[in-house]
PDB file of N, CA and C in Angstrom:
ATOM      1  N   UNK A   1      45.439  82.210 -46.696  1.00  0.00           N
ATOM      2  CA  UNK A   1      44.766  81.475 -45.638  1.00  0.00           C
ATOM      3  C   UNK A   1      43.505  82.204 -45.189  1.00  0.00           C
ATOM      4  N   UNK A   2      43.578  83.528 -45.129  1.00  0.00           N
ATOM      5  CA  UNK A   2      42.413  84.304 -44.687  1.00  0.00           C
ATOM      6  C   UNK A   2      41.247  84.162 -45.663  1.00  0.00           C
ATOM      7  N   UNK A   3      41.534  84.126 -46.973  1.00  0.00           N
ATOM      8  CA  UNK A   3      40.479  83.977 -47.980  1.00  0.00           C
ATOM      9  C   UNK A   3      39.785  82.633 -47.824  1.00  0.00           C
ATOM     10  N   UNK A   4      40.541  81.598 -47.548  1.00  0.00           N
ATOM     11  CA  UNK A   4      39.950  80.270 -47.355  1.00  0.00           C
ATOM     12  C   UNK A   4      39.072  80.276 -46.117  1.00  0.00           C
ATOM     13  N   UNK A   5      39.559  80.856 -45.036  1.00  0.00           N
ATOM     14  CA  UNK A   5      38.781  80.914 -43.803  1.00  0.00           C
ATOM     15  C   UNK A   5      37.483  81.692 -44.023  1.00  0.00           C
ATOM     16  N   UNK A   6      37.543  82.752 -44.812  1.00  0.00           N
ATOM     17  CA  UNK A   6      36.356  83.543 -45.123  1.00  0.00           C
ATOM     18  C   UNK A   6      35.327  82.746 -45.900  1.00  0.00           C
ATOM     19  N   UNK A   7      35.786  81.949 -46.878  1.00  0.00           N
ATOM     20  CA  UNK A   7      34.866  81.121 -47.658  1.00  0.00           C
ATOM     21  C   UNK A   7      34.245  80.039 -46.794  1.00  0.00           C
ATOM     22  N   UNK A   8      35.026  79.441 -45.912  1.00  0.00           N
ATOM     23  CA  UNK A   8      34.488  78.429 -45.006  1.00  0.00           C
ATOM     24  C   UNK A   8      33.428  79.056 -44.108  1.00  0.00           C
ATOM     25  N   UNK A   9      33.672  80.276 -43.660  1.00  0.00           N
ATOM     26  CA  UNK A   9      32.690  80.978 -42.829  1.00  0.00           C
ATOM     27  C   UNK A   9      31.402  81.253 -43.578  1.00  0.00           C
ATOM     28  N   UNK A  10      31.516  81.648 -44.840  1.00  0.00           N
ATOM     29  CA  UNK A  10      30.329  81.906 -45.651  1.00  0.00           C
ATOM     30  C   UNK A  10      29.544  80.622 -45.850  1.00  0.00           C
ATOM     31  N   UNK A  11      30.228  79.519 -46.167  1.00  0.00           N
ATOM     32  CA  UNK A  11      29.551  78.235 -46.356  1.00  0.00           C
ATOM     33  C   UNK A  11      28.901  77.794 -45.055  1.00  0.00           C
ATOM     34  N   UNK A  12      29.611  77.925 -43.948  1.00  0.00           N
ATOM     35  CA  UNK A  12      29.043  77.536 -42.652  1.00  0.00           C
ATOM     36  C   UNK A  12      27.825  78.383 -42.315  1.00  0.00           C
ATOM     37  N   UNK A  13      27.891  79.676 -42.599  1.00  0.00           N
ATOM     38  CA  UNK A  13      26.744  80.552 -42.332  1.00  0.00           C
ATOM     39  C   UNK A  13      25.560  80.178 -43.211  1.00  0.00           C
ATOM     40  N   UNK A  14      25.825  79.830 -44.472  1.00  0.00           N
ATOM     41  CA  UNK A  14      24.755  79.423 -45.379  1.00  0.00           C
ATOM     42  C   UNK A  14      24.099  78.134 -44.906  1.00  0.00           C
ATOM     43  N   UNK A  15      24.909  77.158 -44.518  1.00  0.00           N
ATOM     44  CA  UNK A  15      24.363  75.889 -44.033  1.00  0.00           C
ATOM     45  C   UNK A  15      23.555  76.122 -42.763  1.00  0.00           C
ATOM     46  N   UNK A  16      24.065  76.950 -41.867  1.00  0.00           N
ATOM     47  CA  UNK A  16      23.333  77.248 -40.636  1.00  0.00           C
ATOM     48  C   UNK A  16      22.025  77.967 -40.943  1.00  0.00           C
ATOM     49  N   UNK A  17      22.075  78.954 -41.830  1.00  0.00           N
ATOM     50  CA  UNK A  17      20.852  79.679 -42.192  1.00  0.00           C
ATOM     51  C   UNK A  17      19.836  78.745 -42.822  1.00  0.00           C
ATOM     52  N   UNK A  18      20.306  77.838 -43.672  1.00  0.00           N
ATOM     53  CA  UNK A  18      19.401  76.876 -44.302  1.00  0.00           C
ATOM     54  C   UNK A  18      18.783  75.956 -43.260  1.00  0.00           C
ATOM     55  N   UNK A  19      19.599  75.468 -42.345  1.00  0.00           N
ATOM     56  CA  UNK A  19      19.081  74.563 -41.316  1.00  0.00           C
ATOM     57  C   UNK A  19      18.020  75.247 -40.461  1.00  0.00           C
ATOM     58  N   UNK A  20      18.225  76.511 -40.178  1.00  0.00           N
ATOM     59  CA  UNK A  20      17.265  77.244 -39.361  1.00  0.00           C
ATOM     60  C   UNK A  20      16.010  77.627 -40.132  1.00  0.00           C
ATOM     61  N   UNK A  21      16.129  77.779 -41.451  1.00  0.00           N
ATOM     62  CA  UNK A  21      15.011  78.289 -42.238  1.00  0.00           C
ATOM     63  C   UNK A  21      14.196  77.212 -42.940  1.00  0.00           C
ATOM     64  N   UNK A  22      14.583  75.968 -42.822  1.00  0.00           N
ATOM     65  CA  UNK A  22      13.850  74.910 -43.521  1.00  0.00           C
ATOM     66  C   UNK A  22      12.408  74.854 -43.049  1.00  0.00           C
ATOM     67  N   UNK A  23      11.523  74.758 -43.987  1.00  0.00           N
ATOM     68  CA  UNK A  23      10.109  74.748 -43.615  1.00  0.00           C
ATOM     69  C   UNK A  23       9.403  73.457 -43.984  1.00  0.00           C
ATOM     70  N   UNK A  24      10.033  72.607 -44.770  1.00  0.00           N
ATOM     71  CA  UNK A  24       9.372  71.356 -45.146  1.00  0.00           C
ATOM     72  C   UNK A  24      10.382  70.230 -45.015  1.00  0.00           C
ATOM     73  N   UNK A  25      10.078  69.257 -44.203  1.00  0.00           N
ATOM     74  CA  UNK A  25      10.987  68.145 -43.975  1.00  0.00           C
ATOM     75  C   UNK A  25      10.434  66.894 -44.645  1.00  0.00           C
ATOM     76  N   UNK A  26      11.333  66.010 -45.043  1.00  0.00           N
ATOM     77  CA  UNK A  26      10.894  64.776 -45.684  1.00  0.00           C
ATOM     78  C   UNK A  26      11.510  63.583 -44.979  1.00  0.00           C
ATOM     79  N   UNK A  27      10.869  62.441 -45.100  1.00  0.00           N
ATOM     80  CA  UNK A  27      11.378  61.199 -44.528  1.00  0.00           C
ATOM     81  C   UNK A  27      12.360  60.549 -45.471  1.00  0.00           C
ATOM     82  N   UNK A  28      12.794  59.370 -45.132  1.00  0.00           N
ATOM     83  CA  UNK A  28      13.777  58.631 -45.910  1.00  0.00           C
ATOM     84  C   UNK A  28      13.274  58.396 -47.329  1.00  0.00           C
ATOM     85  N   UNK A  29      14.022  58.914 -48.300  1.00  0.00           N
ATOM     86  CA  UNK A  29      13.713  58.670 -49.692  1.00  0.00           C
ATOM     87  C   UNK A  29      12.427  59.331 -50.187  1.00  0.00           C
ATOM     88  N   UNK A  30      11.897  60.289 -49.475  1.00  0.00           N
ATOM     89  CA  UNK A  30      10.691  60.972 -49.928  1.00  0.00           C
ATOM     90  C   UNK A  30      10.993  62.436 -50.148  1.00  0.00           C
ATOM     91  N   UNK A  31      10.083  63.132 -50.817  1.00  0.00           N
ATOM     92  CA  UNK A  31      10.334  64.543 -51.056  1.00  0.00           C
ATOM     93  C   UNK A  31       9.431  65.392 -50.181  1.00  0.00           C
ATOM     94  N   UNK A  32       9.786  66.658 -50.026  1.00  0.00           N
ATOM     95  CA  UNK A  32       9.017  67.533 -49.148  1.00  0.00           C
ATOM     96  C   UNK A  32       7.555  67.658 -49.579  1.00  0.00           C
ATOM     97  N   UNK A  33       6.715  67.980 -48.611  1.00  0.00           N
ATOM     98  CA  UNK A  33       5.294  68.116 -48.892  1.00  0.00           C
ATOM     99  C   UNK A  33       4.949  69.482 -49.448  1.00  0.00           C
ATOM    100  N   UNK A  34       5.823  70.465 -49.307  1.00  0.00           N
ATOM    101  CA  UNK A  34       5.513  71.803 -49.808  1.00  0.00           C
ATOM    102  C   UNK A  34       6.752  72.617 -50.070  1.00  0.00           C
ATOM    103  N   UNK A  35       6.558  73.623 -50.876  1.00  0.00           N
ATOM    104  CA  UNK A  35       7.636  74.551 -51.199  1.00  0.00           C
ATOM    105  C   UNK A  35       7.247  75.892 -50.589  1.00  0.00           C
ATOM    106  N   UNK A  36       8.144  76.528 -49.839  1.00  0.00           N
ATOM    107  CA  UNK A  36       7.823  77.850 -49.295  1.00  0.00           C
ATOM    108  C   UNK A  36       7.369  78.792 -50.411  1.00  0.00           C
ATOM    109  N   UNK A  37       6.465  79.696 -50.074  1.00  0.00           N
ATOM    110  CA  UNK A  37       5.881  80.586 -51.077  1.00  0.00           C
ATOM    111  C   UNK A  37       6.902  81.466 -51.788  1.00  0.00           C
ATOM    112  N   UNK A  38       7.854  81.998 -51.063  1.00  0.00           N
ATOM    113  CA  UNK A  38       8.818  82.927 -51.648  1.00  0.00           C
ATOM    114  C   UNK A  38      10.239  82.448 -51.422  1.00  0.00           C
ATOM    115  N   UNK A  39      11.107  82.699 -52.411  1.00  0.00           N
ATOM    116  CA  UNK A  39      12.520  82.372 -52.292  1.00  0.00           C
ATOM    117  C   UNK A  39      13.256  83.515 -51.617  1.00  0.00           C
ATOM    118  N   UNK A  40      14.550  83.460 -51.583  1.00  0.00           N
ATOM    119  CA  UNK A  40      15.386  82.500 -52.296  1.00  0.00           C
ATOM    120  C   UNK A  40      15.327  81.114 -51.651  1.00  0.00           C
ATOM    121  N   UNK A  41      15.250  80.097 -52.506  1.00  0.00           N
ATOM    122  CA  UNK A  41      15.123  78.726 -52.039  1.00  0.00           C
ATOM    123  C   UNK A  41      16.464  78.015 -52.039  1.00  0.00           C
ATOM    124  N   UNK A  42      16.499  76.929 -51.288  1.00  0.00           N
ATOM    125  CA  UNK A  42      17.651  76.030 -51.279  1.00  0.00           C
ATOM    126  C   UNK A  42      17.130  74.623 -51.080  1.00  0.00           C
ATOM    127  N   UNK A  43      17.894  73.668 -51.554  1.00  0.00           N
ATOM    128  CA  UNK A  43      17.553  72.261 -51.363  1.00  0.00           C
ATOM    129  C   UNK A  43      18.723  71.603 -50.638  1.00  0.00           C
ATOM    130  N   UNK A  44      18.394  70.750 -49.685  1.00  0.00           N
ATOM    131  CA  UNK A  44      19.421  70.082 -48.901  1.00  0.00           C
ATOM    132  C   UNK A  44      19.152  68.587 -48.907  1.00  0.00           C
ATOM    133  N   UNK A  45      20.172  67.809 -49.237  1.00  0.00           N
ATOM    134  CA  UNK A  45      20.096  66.353 -49.240  1.00  0.00           C
ATOM    135  C   UNK A  45      20.923  65.842 -48.072  1.00  0.00           C
ATOM    136  N   UNK A  46      20.350  64.936 -47.298  1.00  0.00           N
ATOM    137  CA  UNK A  46      21.070  64.341 -46.181  1.00  0.00           C
ATOM    138  C   UNK A  46      21.231  62.858 -46.459  1.00  0.00           C
ATOM    139  N   UNK A  47      22.484  62.409 -46.455  1.00  0.00           N
ATOM    140  CA  UNK A  47      22.833  61.025 -46.745  1.00  0.00           C
ATOM    141  C   UNK A  47      22.149  60.517 -48.015  1.00  0.00           C
ATOM    142  N   UNK A  48      22.295  61.263 -49.121  1.00  0.00           N
ATOM    143  CA  UNK A  48      21.621  60.859 -50.355  1.00  0.00           C
ATOM    144  C   UNK A  48      22.198  59.575 -50.935  1.00  0.00           C
ATOM    145  N   UNK A  49      21.324  58.759 -51.478  1.00  0.00           N
ATOM    146  CA  UNK A  49      21.726  57.525 -52.146  1.00  0.00           C
ATOM    147  C   UNK A  49      21.077  57.496 -53.518  1.00  0.00           C
ATOM    148  N   UNK A  50      21.704  56.792 -54.444  1.00  0.00           N
ATOM    149  CA  UNK A  50      21.170  56.685 -55.793  1.00  0.00           C
ATOM    150  C   UNK A  50      21.931  57.570 -56.759  1.00  0.00           C
ATOM    151  N   UNK A  51      21.374  57.724 -57.940  1.00  0.00           N
ATOM    152  CA  UNK A  51      22.015  58.486 -59.014  1.00  0.00           C
ATOM    153  C   UNK A  51      21.417  59.891 -59.081  1.00  0.00           C
ATOM    154  N   UNK A  52      21.568  60.648 -58.012  1.00  0.00           N
ATOM    155  CA  UNK A  52      20.931  61.955 -57.834  1.00  0.00           C
ATOM    156  C   UNK A  52      21.779  63.131 -58.295  1.00  0.00           C
ATOM    157  N   UNK A  53      23.073  62.943 -58.456  1.00  0.00           N
ATOM    158  CA  UNK A  53      23.999  64.064 -58.690  1.00  0.00           C
ATOM    159  C   UNK A  53      23.630  64.893 -59.914  1.00  0.00           C
ATOM    160  N   UNK A  54      23.150  64.271 -60.980  1.00  0.00           N
ATOM    161  CA  UNK A  54      22.811  65.034 -62.187  1.00  0.00           C
ATOM    162  C   UNK A  54      21.637  65.981 -61.955  1.00  0.00           C
ATOM    163  N   UNK A  55      20.806  65.698 -60.964  1.00  0.00           N
ATOM    164  CA  UNK A  55      19.684  66.599 -60.649  1.00  0.00           C
ATOM    165  C   UNK A  55      20.183  67.964 -60.188  1.00  0.00           C
ATOM    166  N   UNK A  56      21.366  67.989 -59.565  1.00  0.00           N
ATOM    167  CA  UNK A  56      21.916  69.250 -59.060  1.00  0.00           C
ATOM    168  C   UNK A  56      22.714  70.001 -60.113  1.00  0.00           C
ATOM    169  N   UNK A  57      22.765  69.448 -61.353  1.00  0.00           N
ATOM    170  CA  UNK A  57      23.385  70.156 -62.473  1.00  0.00           C
ATOM    171  C   UNK A  57      22.392  71.096 -63.142  1.00  0.00           C
ATOM    172  N   UNK A  58      21.199  71.196 -62.590  1.00  0.00           N
ATOM    173  CA  UNK A  58      20.147  72.038 -63.156  1.00  0.00           C
ATOM    174  C   UNK A  58      20.628  73.485 -63.232  1.00  0.00           C
ATOM    175  N   UNK A  59      20.346  74.183 -64.341  1.00  0.00           N
ATOM    176  CA  UNK A  59      20.808  75.568 -64.481  1.00  0.00           C
ATOM    177  C   UNK A  59      20.184  76.543 -63.479  1.00  0.00           C
ATOM    178  N   UNK A  60      19.115  76.148 -62.817  1.00  0.00           N
ATOM    179  CA  UNK A  60      18.493  77.026 -61.816  1.00  0.00           C
ATOM    180  C   UNK A  60      19.228  76.990 -60.483  1.00  0.00           C
ATOM    181  N   UNK A  61      20.195  76.086 -60.341  1.00  0.00           N
ATOM    182  CA  UNK A  61      20.928  75.928 -59.084  1.00  0.00           C
ATOM    183  C   UNK A  61      22.332  76.491 -59.172  1.00  0.00           C
ATOM    184  N   UNK A  62      22.830  76.984 -58.032  1.00  0.00           N
ATOM    185  CA  UNK A  62      24.235  77.354 -57.925  1.00  0.00           C
ATOM    186  C   UNK A  62      25.015  76.074 -57.641  1.00  0.00           C
ATOM    187  N   UNK A  63      26.311  76.163 -57.592  1.00  0.00           N
ATOM    188  CA  UNK A  63      27.140  74.988 -57.331  1.00  0.00           C
ATOM    189  C   UNK A  63      26.834  74.411 -55.959  1.00  0.00           C
ATOM    190  N   UNK A  64      26.613  73.103 -55.890  1.00  0.00           N
ATOM    191  CA  UNK A  64      26.316  72.484 -54.599  1.00  0.00           C
ATOM    192  C   UNK A  64      27.522  72.521 -53.662  1.00  0.00           C
ATOM    193  N   UNK A  65      27.229  72.565 -52.376  1.00  0.00           N
ATOM    194  CA  UNK A  65      28.249  72.515 -51.330  1.00  0.00           C
ATOM    195  C   UNK A  65      28.042  71.226 -50.549  1.00  0.00           C
ATOM    196  N   UNK A  66      29.114  70.495 -50.330  1.00  0.00           N
ATOM    197  CA  UNK A  66      29.028  69.245 -49.573  1.00  0.00           C
ATOM    198  C   UNK A  66      29.745  69.425 -48.245  1.00  0.00           C
ATOM    199  N   UNK A  67      29.071  69.019 -47.192  1.00  0.00           N
ATOM    200  CA  UNK A  67      29.665  69.036 -45.861  1.00  0.00           C
ATOM    201  C   UNK A  67      29.248  67.753 -45.167  1.00  0.00           C
ATOM    202  N   UNK A  68      30.222  66.904 -44.880  1.00  0.00           N
ATOM    203  CA  UNK A  68      29.997  65.575 -44.317  1.00  0.00           C
ATOM    204  C   UNK A  68      29.014  64.822 -45.211  1.00  0.00           C
ATOM    205  N   UNK A  69      27.867  64.401 -44.714  1.00  0.00           N
ATOM    206  CA  UNK A  69      26.926  63.627 -45.526  1.00  0.00           C
ATOM    207  C   UNK A  69      25.758  64.483 -46.015  1.00  0.00           C
ATOM    208  N   UNK A  70      25.963  65.806 -46.057  1.00  0.00           N
ATOM    209  CA  UNK A  70      24.911  66.731 -46.464  1.00  0.00           C
ATOM    210  C   UNK A  70      25.354  67.505 -47.702  1.00  0.00           C
ATOM    211  N   UNK A  71      24.453  67.616 -48.667  1.00  0.00           N
ATOM    212  CA  UNK A  71      24.702  68.381 -49.884  1.00  0.00           C
ATOM    213  C   UNK A  71      23.655  69.491 -49.940  1.00  0.00           C
ATOM    214  N   UNK A  72      24.109  70.724 -50.130  1.00  0.00           N
ATOM    215  CA  UNK A  72      23.209  71.873 -50.181  1.00  0.00           C
ATOM    216  C   UNK A  72      23.429  72.626 -51.488  1.00  0.00           C
ATOM    217  N   UNK A  73      22.330  72.985 -52.137  1.00  0.00           N
ATOM    218  CA  UNK A  73      22.407  73.808 -53.342  1.00  0.00           C
ATOM    219  C   UNK A  73      21.359  74.906 -53.234  1.00  0.00           C
ATOM    220  N   UNK A  74      21.774  76.120 -53.542  1.00  0.00           N
ATOM    221  CA  UNK A  74      20.890  77.279 -53.483  1.00  0.00           C
ATOM    222  C   UNK A  74      20.419  77.587 -54.901  1.00  0.00           C
ATOM    223  N   UNK A  75      19.156  77.929 -55.031  1.00  0.00           N
ATOM    224  CA  UNK A  75      18.624  78.296 -56.333  1.00  0.00           C
ATOM    225  C   UNK A  75      19.107  79.698 -56.696  1.00  0.00           C
ATOM    226  N   UNK A  76      19.412  79.878 -57.965  1.00  0.00           N
ATOM    227  CA  UNK A  76      19.935  81.145 -58.463  1.00  0.00           C
ATOM    228  C   UNK A  76      18.865  82.236 -58.383  1.00  0.00           C
ATOM    229  N   UNK A  77      19.327  83.471 -58.365  1.00  0.00           N
ATOM    230  CA  UNK A  77      18.414  84.614 -58.403  1.00  0.00           C
ATOM    231  C   UNK A  77      17.544  84.492 -59.645  1.00  0.00           C
ATOM    232  N   UNK A  78      16.262  84.699 -59.479  1.00  0.00           N
ATOM    233  CA  UNK A  78      15.335  84.596 -60.603  1.00  0.00           C
ATOM    234  C   UNK A  78      14.717  83.222 -60.765  1.00  0.00           C
ATOM    235  N   UNK A  79      15.145  82.250 -59.952  1.00  0.00           N
ATOM    236  CA  UNK A  79      14.540  80.912 -60.025  1.00  0.00           C
ATOM    237  C   UNK A  79      13.075  81.008 -59.613  1.00  0.00           C
ATOM    238  N   UNK A  80      12.266  80.145 -60.190  1.00  0.00           N
ATOM    239  CA  UNK A  80      10.834  80.146 -59.910  1.00  0.00           C
ATOM    240  C   UNK A  80      10.447  78.893 -59.139  1.00  0.00           C
ATOM    241  N   UNK A  81       9.209  78.882 -58.649  1.00  0.00           N
ATOM    242  CA  UNK A  81       8.709  77.699 -57.961  1.00  0.00           C
ATOM    243  C   UNK A  81       8.702  76.493 -58.902  1.00  0.00           C
ATOM    244  N   UNK A  82       8.465  76.723 -60.179  1.00  0.00           N
ATOM    245  CA  UNK A  82       8.511  75.630 -61.167  1.00  0.00           C
ATOM    246  C   UNK A  82       9.912  75.038 -61.258  1.00  0.00           C
ATOM    247  N   UNK A  83      10.949  75.874 -61.138  1.00  0.00           N
ATOM    248  CA  UNK A  83      12.331  75.377 -61.128  1.00  0.00           C
ATOM    249  C   UNK A  83      12.562  74.475 -59.926  1.00  0.00           C
ATOM    250  N   UNK A  84      12.076  74.917 -58.767  1.00  0.00           N
ATOM    251  CA  UNK A  84      12.221  74.126 -57.542  1.00  0.00           C
ATOM    252  C   UNK A  84      11.510  72.783 -57.710  1.00  0.00           C
ATOM    253  N   UNK A  85      10.300  72.806 -58.224  1.00  0.00           N
ATOM    254  CA  UNK A  85       9.538  71.574 -58.398  1.00  0.00           C
ATOM    255  C   UNK A  85      10.228  70.626 -59.371  1.00  0.00           C
ATOM    256  N   UNK A  86      10.806  71.161 -60.447  1.00  0.00           N
ATOM    257  CA  UNK A  86      11.525  70.329 -61.418  1.00  0.00           C
ATOM    258  C   UNK A  86      12.692  69.592 -60.754  1.00  0.00           C
ATOM    259  N   UNK A  87      13.452  70.310 -59.934  1.00  0.00           N
ATOM    260  CA  UNK A  87      14.589  69.685 -59.249  1.00  0.00           C
ATOM    261  C   UNK A  87      14.090  68.639 -58.247  1.00  0.00           C
ATOM    262  N   UNK A  88      13.027  68.961 -57.509  1.00  0.00           N
ATOM    263  CA  UNK A  88      12.476  68.000 -56.549  1.00  0.00           C
ATOM    264  C   UNK A  88      11.944  66.753 -57.242  1.00  0.00           C
ATOM    265  N   UNK A  89      11.314  66.918 -58.390  1.00  0.00           N
ATOM    266  CA  UNK A  89      10.824  65.758 -59.146  1.00  0.00           C
ATOM    267  C   UNK A  89      11.978  64.876 -59.587  1.00  0.00           C
ATOM    268  N   UNK A  90      13.053  65.503 -60.054  1.00  0.00           N
ATOM    269  CA  UNK A  90      14.244  64.755 -60.470  1.00  0.00           C
ATOM    270  C   UNK A  90      14.820  63.977 -59.291  1.00  0.00           C
ATOM    271  N   UNK A  91      14.954  64.638 -58.142  1.00  0.00           N
ATOM    272  CA  UNK A  91      15.496  63.980 -56.948  1.00  0.00           C
ATOM    273  C   UNK A  91      14.592  62.848 -56.484  1.00  0.00           C
ATOM    274  N   UNK A  92      13.290  63.040 -56.569  1.00  0.00           N
ATOM    275  CA  UNK A  92      12.343  62.018 -56.168  1.00  0.00           C
ATOM    276  C   UNK A  92      12.515  60.759 -57.014  1.00  0.00           C
ATOM    277  N   UNK A  93      12.753  60.950 -58.304  1.00  0.00           N
ATOM    278  CA  UNK A  93      12.945  59.808 -59.207  1.00  0.00           C
ATOM    279  C   UNK A  93      14.311  59.163 -59.039  1.00  0.00           C
ATOM    280  N   UNK A  94      15.334  59.959 -58.723  1.00  0.00           N
ATOM    281  CA  UNK A  94      16.712  59.475 -58.734  1.00  0.00           C
ATOM    282  C   UNK A  94      17.205  58.942 -57.396  1.00  0.00           C
ATOM    283  N   UNK A  95      16.698  59.471 -56.287  1.00  0.00           N
ATOM    284  CA  UNK A  95      17.210  59.062 -54.976  1.00  0.00           C
ATOM    285  C   UNK A  95      16.579  57.749 -54.530  1.00  0.00           C
ATOM    286  N   UNK A  96      17.429  56.870 -54.016  1.00  0.00           N
ATOM    287  CA  UNK A  96      16.949  55.601 -53.475  1.00  0.00           C
ATOM    288  C   UNK A  96      16.987  55.581 -51.954  1.00  0.00           C
ATOM    289  N   UNK A  97      17.525  56.620 -51.359  1.00  0.00           N
ATOM    290  CA  UNK A  97      17.604  56.729 -49.905  1.00  0.00           C
ATOM    291  C   UNK A  97      18.091  58.108 -49.520  1.00  0.00           C
ATOM    292  N   UNK A  98      17.963  58.410 -48.254  1.00  0.00           N
ATOM    293  CA  UNK A  98      18.338  59.729 -47.765  1.00  0.00           C
ATOM    294  C   UNK A  98      17.115  60.599 -47.656  1.00  0.00           C
ATOM    295  N   UNK A  99      17.325  61.867 -47.327  1.00  0.00           N
ATOM    296  CA  UNK A  99      16.192  62.779 -47.199  1.00  0.00           C
ATOM    297  C   UNK A  99      16.447  64.052 -47.977  1.00  0.00           C
ATOM    298  N   UNK A 100      15.350  64.700 -48.359  1.00  0.00           N
ATOM    299  CA  UNK A 100      15.376  65.952 -49.107  1.00  0.00           C
ATOM    300  C   UNK A 100      14.624  66.985 -48.288  1.00  0.00           C
ATOM    301  N   UNK A 101      15.226  68.147 -48.180  1.00  0.00           N
ATOM    302  CA  UNK A 101      14.576  69.264 -47.497  1.00  0.00           C
ATOM    303  C   UNK A 101      14.663  70.468 -48.426  1.00  0.00           C
ATOM    304  N   UNK A 102      13.607  71.237 -48.468  1.00  0.00           N
ATOM    305  CA  UNK A 102      13.629  72.471 -49.250  1.00  0.00           C
ATOM    306  C   UNK A 102      13.154  73.592 -48.349  1.00  0.00           C
ATOM    307  N   UNK A 103      13.806  74.705 -48.464  1.00  0.00           N
ATOM    308  CA  UNK A 103      13.450  75.835 -47.624  1.00  0.00           C
ATOM    309  C   UNK A 103      13.980  77.117 -48.225  1.00  0.00           C
ATOM    310  N   UNK A 104      13.931  78.147 -47.449  1.00  0.00           N
ATOM    311  CA  UNK A 104      14.439  79.438 -47.900  1.00  0.00           C
ATOM    312  C   UNK A 104      15.738  79.743 -47.153  1.00  0.00           C
ATOM    313  N   UNK A 105      16.517  80.595 -47.736  1.00  0.00           N
ATOM    314  CA  UNK A 105      17.780  81.009 -47.121  1.00  0.00           C
ATOM    315  C   UNK A 105      17.824  82.516 -47.035  1.00  0.00           C
ATOM    316  N   UNK A 106      18.525  82.999 -46.052  1.00  0.00           N
ATOM    317  CA  UNK A 106      18.806  84.423 -45.940  1.00  0.00           C
ATOM    318  C   UNK A 106      20.059  84.700 -46.750  1.00  0.00           C
ATOM    319  N   UNK A 107      20.085  85.757 -47.525  1.00  0.00           N
ATOM    320  CA  UNK A 107      21.304  86.097 -48.265  1.00  0.00           C
ATOM    321  C   UNK A 107      22.479  86.259 -47.307  1.00  0.00           C
ATOM    322  N   UNK A 108      23.634  85.732 -47.716  1.00  0.00           N
ATOM    323  CA  UNK A 108      24.847  85.802 -46.895  1.00  0.00           C
ATOM    324  C   UNK A 108      25.835  86.705 -47.609  1.00  0.00           C
ATOM    325  N   UNK A 109      26.293  87.749 -46.932  1.00  0.00           N
ATOM    326  CA  UNK A 109      27.294  88.636 -47.528  1.00  0.00           C
ATOM    327  C   UNK A 109      28.648  87.967 -47.484  1.00  0.00           C
ATOM    328  N   UNK A 110      29.364  88.046 -48.603  1.00  0.00           N
ATOM    329  CA  UNK A 110      30.681  87.405 -48.702  1.00  0.00           C
ATOM    330  C   UNK A 110      31.752  88.253 -48.078  1.00  0.00           C
TER     331      UNK A 110
END
């Protein structure tokens, strides 16, 4: 039980850190206007609609975390701005509704 509680705490801390660190917001069905200069980056989808799930299978992303109607995926160590742009382009083409946010995250110790 303690291990599960610890993982939930790490996920909650990551989501909170992402929410606080987001630097580019997007409207319904649009993509962010900019990518922060330095990572580590994360992408967050709120109430996503459409066939977007395969975009998060990108090898530059870690496993997505879903909480209520929000999906968050952190880019792996070594990901580049080109990796972020590739994922955003995929989401832009695939999403029919919802919002996309990209920002930076603070590393969370497990």
